[in-house]
Amino acid sequence: MPFKTDYIDLVDSDAPVSEAGGARIKLTAGVAKLSLDGAAFQTIDAGVGTGTVTSVAATASGLLAVAGTPTVAPTVGLATAAANTMLGNGTAGAAVPTALSAAAARTNMGLVAIASSGSAADLSAGIIPDARMPDLTGDVTTTEGAVATSIAANAVVTAKILDANVTLAKIATQADQTILGNNTGGAASPVALTAAQVRTILGLPVAGDGALLSKVSVGRNGAGALTLTGAVVGMAVRQVLTVTAGALVDSVALFETTITVTDQIQQVSASDLTTITYSFLLQS
């Protein structure tokens, strides 16, 4: 505050001024002290001290300034903030800034969080935007940034089809009057066989080869002729069947393969076949 004095002297001792109306200034280690009218020395306050800053505003340059006209620029320190936070305002209105979490900050910036960390590496909830989809490889494929998937070529192998899950409706269509089978003489995928091809596999006479004659007769004891009315010399013995234990048995090897005597067929087996009835199919 303003004061009037008759004189001012500078000293380096702690003795106060004794004369009335006098002033004495002492400077020690950079600290100035003042004695007035014989009073004890008092530290001259240069404006640095503790207190509460009640009004702080940001200047255009982004610096902090104290309202008013202080003679000494103060040092303003912000309160400590929690780890991994940032100052901001997410209240949708003007408000004092607070410490925002990463999730709150992403919301402020309009970012879509796909995981708690913002990284797909620990995705536990949320939806990845279509444009962020990576490319898929393997049995199911897609291109990066797209969600439409395709089954890769040759990806559906036998091991990946559950047993009893391919219906007849899923089998390729086949020509009418055909039967699936293999007539190649070796292991191969089945194909649609015609009736003639099936008869060949079964050893049956093929249509168009000549008239058919069906006869029934019991066998004989030992090799020799059996009466087979209607048999003509030269007829082919296409089939000889018998029923054994409820099943049809091919017995063509027990008889001649071509008729050599009219109305007869030769039994070539020396076994006793008198208890067995045979069905003969001959073709001219």
Protein backbone atom coordinates (compact mmCIF):
# COMPACT_ATOMS: atom_id res chain seq x y z
CA MET A 1 0.00 0.00 0.00
CA PRO A 2 1.29 3.61 -0.53
CA PHE A 3 3.33 5.10 2.27
CA LYS A 4 5.33 8.29 2.90
CA THR A 5 8.83 8.23 4.36
CA ASP A 6 11.62 10.72 4.90
CA TYR A 7 14.31 8.35 3.77
CA ILE A 8 14.98 4.73 2.60
CA ASP A 9 18.23 2.91 3.22
CA LEU A 10 19.39 -0.54 2.15
CA VAL A 11 20.99 -2.72 4.82
CA ASP A 12 22.21 -6.25 5.29
CA SER A 13 21.40 -6.54 9.02
CA ASP A 14 18.22 -7.59 10.79
CA ALA A 15 18.02 -4.36 12.83
CA PRO A 16 14.82 -2.47 12.00
CA VAL A 17 14.81 1.18 11.27
CA SER A 18 14.69 3.28 14.46
CA GLU A 19 13.83 6.66 13.15
CA ALA A 20 10.22 7.71 12.79
CA GLY A 21 9.16 8.13 9.19
CA GLY A 22 12.08 6.06 7.97
CA ALA A 23 12.14 2.86 5.90
CA ARG A 24 14.75 0.14 5.65
CA ILE A 25 14.89 -2.61 2.97
CA LYS A 26 16.88 -5.79 3.38
CA LEU A 27 17.60 -8.31 0.60
CA THR A 28 18.72 -11.76 1.74
CA ALA A 29 19.00 -14.83 -0.55
CA GLY A 30 16.68 -13.21 -3.06
CA VAL A 31 14.00 -12.42 -0.45
CA ALA A 32 13.16 -8.74 0.13
CA LYS A 33 12.10 -7.56 3.60
CA LEU A 34 10.81 -4.11 4.62
CA SER A 35 10.91 -2.23 7.96
CA LEU A 36 8.81 0.91 8.41
CA ASP A 37 8.88 3.40 11.28
CA GLY A 38 10.91 1.14 13.55
CA ALA A 39 8.70 -1.92 13.02
CA ALA A 40 10.22 -5.39 12.56
CA PHE A 41 11.14 -6.54 9.06
CA GLN A 42 8.30 -8.11 7.04
CA THR A 43 8.77 -10.16 3.86
CA ILE A 44 7.68 -8.24 0.82
CA ASP A 45 5.09 -10.53 -0.97
CA ALA A 46 5.91 -10.64 -4.66
CA GLY A 47 2.52 -12.11 -5.47
CA VAL A 48 3.52 -15.79 -5.25
CA GLY A 49 1.63 -17.88 -2.74
CA THR A 50 -1.09 -20.39 -2.17
CA GLY A 51 -4.80 -19.94 -2.66
CA THR A 52 -7.74 -20.91 -4.81
CA VAL A 53 -8.07 -19.86 -8.45
CA THR A 54 -11.76 -19.21 -8.88
CA SER A 55 -11.91 -18.32 -12.56
CA VAL A 56 -9.80 -19.89 -15.33
CA ALA A 57 -10.52 -19.46 -19.03
CA ALA A 58 -8.84 -20.74 -22.21
CA THR A 59 -7.35 -18.06 -24.42
CA ALA A 60 -7.42 -18.21 -28.21
CA SER A 61 -3.93 -19.68 -28.19
CA GLY A 62 -5.10 -22.53 -26.00
CA LEU A 63 -3.25 -21.31 -22.88
CA LEU A 64 -4.83 -20.98 -19.50
CA ALA A 65 -5.29 -17.44 -18.12
CA VAL A 66 -6.53 -16.21 -14.76
CA ALA A 67 -9.39 -13.74 -14.90
CA GLY A 68 -8.55 -10.23 -13.70
CA THR A 69 -5.22 -8.48 -13.92
CA PRO A 70 -2.72 -10.24 -11.66
CA THR A 71 0.71 -8.71 -11.51
CA VAL A 72 2.36 -12.16 -11.63
CA ALA A 73 1.18 -14.96 -13.93
CA PRO A 74 0.13 -17.90 -11.73
CA THR A 75 0.96 -21.56 -12.29
CA VAL A 76 -2.24 -23.60 -12.59
CA GLY A 77 -2.11 -27.41 -12.13
CA LEU A 78 -4.94 -29.76 -13.10
CA ALA A 79 -6.13 -32.48 -10.76
CA THR A 80 -4.81 -35.99 -11.42
CA ALA A 81 -6.98 -38.19 -13.66
CA ALA A 82 -7.63 -41.94 -13.61
CA ALA A 83 -5.43 -44.06 -15.85
CA ASN A 84 -6.49 -44.43 -19.48
CA THR A 85 -9.03 -41.60 -19.36
CA MET A 86 -9.31 -38.25 -21.07
CA LEU A 87 -11.07 -34.99 -20.26
CA GLY A 88 -14.30 -34.44 -22.10
CA ASN A 89 -18.00 -33.81 -21.85
CA GLY A 90 -20.43 -36.55 -22.81
CA THR A 91 -23.55 -35.03 -21.28
CA ALA A 92 -25.07 -33.73 -24.57
CA GLY A 93 -24.95 -30.21 -23.11
CA ALA A 94 -22.50 -27.63 -21.81
CA ALA A 95 -20.91 -28.93 -18.62
CA VAL A 96 -17.69 -29.10 -16.66
CA PRO A 97 -15.38 -31.66 -18.32
CA THR A 98 -14.90 -34.97 -16.58
CA ALA A 99 -12.64 -37.97 -17.02
CA LEU A 100 -14.06 -40.10 -19.86
CA SER A 101 -13.38 -43.78 -20.31
CA ALA A 102 -12.26 -45.13 -23.70
CA ALA A 103 -15.80 -46.39 -24.38
CA ALA A 104 -17.31 -42.98 -23.56
CA ALA A 105 -14.72 -41.24 -25.72
CA ARG A 106 -15.53 -43.54 -28.67
CA THR A 107 -19.19 -42.70 -28.22
CA ASN A 108 -18.35 -38.98 -28.27
CA MET A 109 -16.42 -39.48 -31.51
CA GLY A 110 -19.19 -41.52 -33.10
CA LEU A 111 -17.10 -44.70 -33.29
CA VAL A 112 -18.71 -48.12 -33.12
CA ALA A 113 -17.12 -50.33 -30.48
CA ILE A 114 -16.77 -53.97 -31.51
CA ALA A 115 -14.97 -54.97 -28.33
CA SER A 116 -14.17 -53.56 -24.93
CA SER A 117 -10.71 -52.63 -26.17
CA GLY A 118 -11.85 -51.41 -29.56
CA SER A 119 -10.06 -54.36 -31.14
CA ALA A 120 -11.61 -57.44 -32.72
CA ALA A 121 -8.92 -59.50 -30.99
CA ASP A 122 -11.06 -59.72 -27.83
CA LEU A 123 -14.51 -59.40 -29.36
CA SER A 124 -17.07 -60.60 -26.85
CA ALA A 125 -20.14 -58.67 -27.93
CA GLY A 126 -21.31 -56.38 -30.69
CA ILE A 127 -21.58 -56.67 -34.46
CA ILE A 128 -18.74 -56.23 -36.93
CA PRO A 129 -19.79 -53.86 -39.73
CA ASP A 130 -20.10 -55.57 -43.13
CA ALA A 131 -17.29 -53.49 -44.58
CA ARG A 132 -14.96 -54.70 -41.81
CA MET A 133 -15.47 -58.41 -42.47
CA PRO A 134 -12.19 -60.20 -43.27
CA ASP A 135 -11.89 -62.64 -46.13
CA LEU A 136 -12.74 -66.24 -45.26
CA THR A 137 -10.87 -69.23 -46.64
CA GLY A 138 -11.33 -72.98 -46.41
CA ASP A 139 -14.58 -74.85 -47.00
CA VAL A 140 -16.62 -71.61 -46.78
CA THR A 141 -15.20 -68.55 -48.51
CA THR A 142 -15.97 -64.86 -48.90
CA THR A 143 -14.10 -61.77 -50.02
CA GLU A 144 -12.89 -59.08 -47.63
CA GLY A 145 -15.56 -56.50 -46.88
CA ALA A 146 -18.44 -58.77 -47.94
CA VAL A 147 -20.70 -61.07 -45.93
CA ALA A 148 -22.06 -63.30 -48.72
CA THR A 149 -20.37 -66.69 -48.39
CA SER A 150 -19.86 -69.57 -50.82
CA ILE A 151 -18.98 -73.24 -50.41
CA ALA A 152 -15.57 -73.81 -51.93
CA ALA A 153 -15.22 -76.18 -54.87
CA ASN A 154 -14.83 -79.83 -53.81
CA ALA A 155 -15.29 -78.87 -50.15
CA VAL A 156 -18.17 -81.27 -49.47
CA VAL A 157 -16.40 -84.63 -49.26
CA THR A 158 -17.80 -87.96 -48.05
CA ALA A 159 -16.52 -87.49 -44.50
CA LYS A 160 -18.53 -84.27 -44.19
CA ILE A 161 -21.87 -85.86 -45.13
CA LEU A 162 -23.73 -87.42 -42.22
CA ASP A 163 -24.74 -91.03 -42.82
CA ALA A 164 -28.33 -91.58 -44.06
CA ASN A 165 -28.74 -87.89 -44.93
CA VAL A 166 -28.65 -87.99 -48.75
CA THR A 167 -32.21 -88.60 -49.92
CA LEU A 168 -33.22 -90.24 -53.19
CA ALA A 169 -34.47 -86.85 -54.35
CA LYS A 170 -30.87 -85.62 -54.23
CA ILE A 171 -29.64 -88.32 -56.62
CA ALA A 172 -29.23 -87.26 -60.24
CA THR A 173 -32.17 -88.12 -62.47
CA GLN A 174 -31.73 -91.12 -64.77
CA ALA A 175 -33.29 -92.30 -67.99
CA ASP A 176 -36.59 -94.16 -67.85
CA GLN A 177 -36.54 -97.96 -67.70
CA THR A 178 -32.98 -98.14 -66.41
CA ILE A 179 -31.37 -99.61 -63.29
CA LEU A 180 -28.29 -98.37 -61.47
CA GLY A 181 -25.43 -100.81 -61.74
CA ASN A 182 -21.90 -101.44 -62.92
CA ASN A 183 -21.20 -103.56 -66.00
CA THR A 184 -17.60 -102.46 -66.57
CA GLY A 185 -16.01 -105.64 -65.25
CA GLY A 186 -14.25 -103.73 -62.47
CA ALA A 187 -14.99 -101.42 -59.54
CA ALA A 188 -16.54 -98.19 -60.79
CA SER A 189 -19.26 -95.66 -60.05
CA PRO A 190 -22.71 -97.02 -60.91
CA VAL A 191 -24.38 -95.91 -64.12
CA ALA A 192 -27.87 -96.25 -65.58
CA LEU A 193 -28.09 -99.70 -67.21
CA THR A 194 -30.59 -100.70 -69.86
CA ALA A 195 -32.74 -103.83 -69.55
CA ALA A 196 -30.45 -105.67 -71.97
CA GLN A 197 -27.38 -104.74 -69.93
CA VAL A 198 -29.06 -105.93 -66.74
CA ARG A 199 -30.05 -109.26 -68.38
CA THR A 200 -26.45 -109.72 -69.45
CA ILE A 201 -25.21 -109.17 -65.91
CA LEU A 202 -27.81 -111.65 -64.60
CA GLY A 203 -27.09 -114.17 -67.33
CA LEU A 204 -30.61 -113.92 -68.75
CA PRO A 205 -31.40 -114.26 -72.45
CA VAL A 206 -31.45 -111.00 -74.32
CA ALA A 207 -34.67 -110.06 -76.15
CA GLY A 208 -34.42 -110.66 -79.88
CA ASP A 209 -32.00 -113.56 -79.59
CA GLY A 210 -34.77 -116.13 -80.26
CA ALA A 211 -37.77 -117.88 -78.73
CA LEU A 212 -37.63 -118.81 -75.08
CA LEU A 213 -38.66 -122.17 -73.63
CA SER A 214 -39.23 -122.71 -69.96
CA LYS A 215 -39.34 -126.25 -68.58
CA VAL A 216 -39.27 -127.92 -65.18
CA SER A 217 -37.79 -131.32 -64.37
CA VAL A 218 -36.20 -133.22 -61.54
CA GLY A 219 -32.61 -134.34 -61.85
CA ARG A 220 -31.31 -137.87 -62.27
CA ASN A 221 -28.88 -140.09 -60.46
CA GLY A 222 -25.62 -139.66 -62.29
CA ALA A 223 -24.81 -138.20 -65.66
CA GLY A 224 -27.25 -138.83 -68.53
CA ALA A 225 -30.29 -137.54 -70.38
CA LEU A 226 -33.38 -135.97 -68.87
CA THR A 227 -36.61 -135.70 -70.82
CA LEU A 228 -37.30 -132.07 -71.68
CA THR A 229 -40.16 -131.97 -74.15
CA GLY A 230 -39.89 -129.12 -76.60
CA ALA A 231 -36.14 -128.80 -76.43
CA VAL A 232 -34.60 -128.50 -79.90
CA VAL A 233 -31.08 -129.31 -80.91
CA GLY A 234 -28.98 -126.14 -80.87
CA MET A 235 -31.03 -124.34 -78.21
CA ALA A 236 -28.88 -122.51 -75.65
CA VAL A 237 -29.36 -123.35 -72.00
CA ARG A 238 -29.61 -119.83 -70.59
CA GLN A 239 -30.54 -120.60 -67.03
CA VAL A 240 -31.01 -123.50 -64.64
CA LEU A 241 -32.40 -122.57 -61.24
CA THR A 242 -33.36 -124.49 -58.13
CA VAL A 243 -34.62 -123.49 -54.73
CA THR A 244 -32.33 -124.43 -51.86
CA ALA A 245 -33.04 -123.35 -48.27
CA GLY A 246 -35.54 -120.85 -49.56
CA ALA A 247 -33.09 -119.20 -51.97
CA LEU A 248 -32.66 -119.45 -55.74
CA VAL A 249 -29.45 -121.23 -56.72
CA ASP A 250 -27.87 -121.08 -60.17
CA SER A 251 -27.28 -124.70 -61.23
CA VAL A 252 -26.45 -124.25 -64.91
CA ALA A 253 -23.06 -125.92 -64.44
CA LEU A 254 -24.80 -129.27 -63.73
CA PHE A 255 -26.15 -129.54 -67.28
CA GLU A 256 -25.04 -129.13 -70.88
CA THR A 257 -25.00 -125.57 -72.20
CA THR A 258 -26.43 -126.41 -75.67
CA ILE A 259 -29.17 -128.96 -76.44
CA THR A 260 -27.66 -131.91 -78.34
CA VAL A 261 -30.70 -134.21 -78.50
CA THR A 262 -34.27 -133.09 -79.23
CA ASP A 263 -36.61 -133.26 -76.23
CA GLN A 264 -33.70 -134.00 -73.93
CA ILE A 265 -31.11 -132.23 -71.83
CA GLN A 266 -27.91 -133.88 -70.70
CA GLN A 267 -27.05 -133.86 -66.98
CA VAL A 268 -23.26 -133.64 -66.77
CA SER A 269 -23.08 -133.99 -62.98
CA ALA A 270 -22.52 -137.51 -61.66
CA SER A 271 -24.34 -136.66 -58.42
CA ASP A 272 -27.74 -137.98 -57.43
CA LEU A 273 -30.09 -135.09 -58.26
CA THR A 274 -33.35 -137.07 -58.17
CA THR A 275 -34.66 -135.16 -55.17
CA ILE A 276 -34.15 -131.72 -56.68
CA THR A 277 -36.47 -129.92 -59.07
CA TYR A 278 -34.85 -127.65 -61.68
CA SER A 279 -36.29 -124.82 -63.78
CA PHE A 280 -34.73 -124.67 -67.27
CA LEU A 281 -34.77 -121.64 -69.55
CA LEU A 282 -33.80 -122.40 -73.13
CA GLN A 283 -33.44 -120.04 -76.07
CA SER A 284 -33.38 -120.86 -79.77
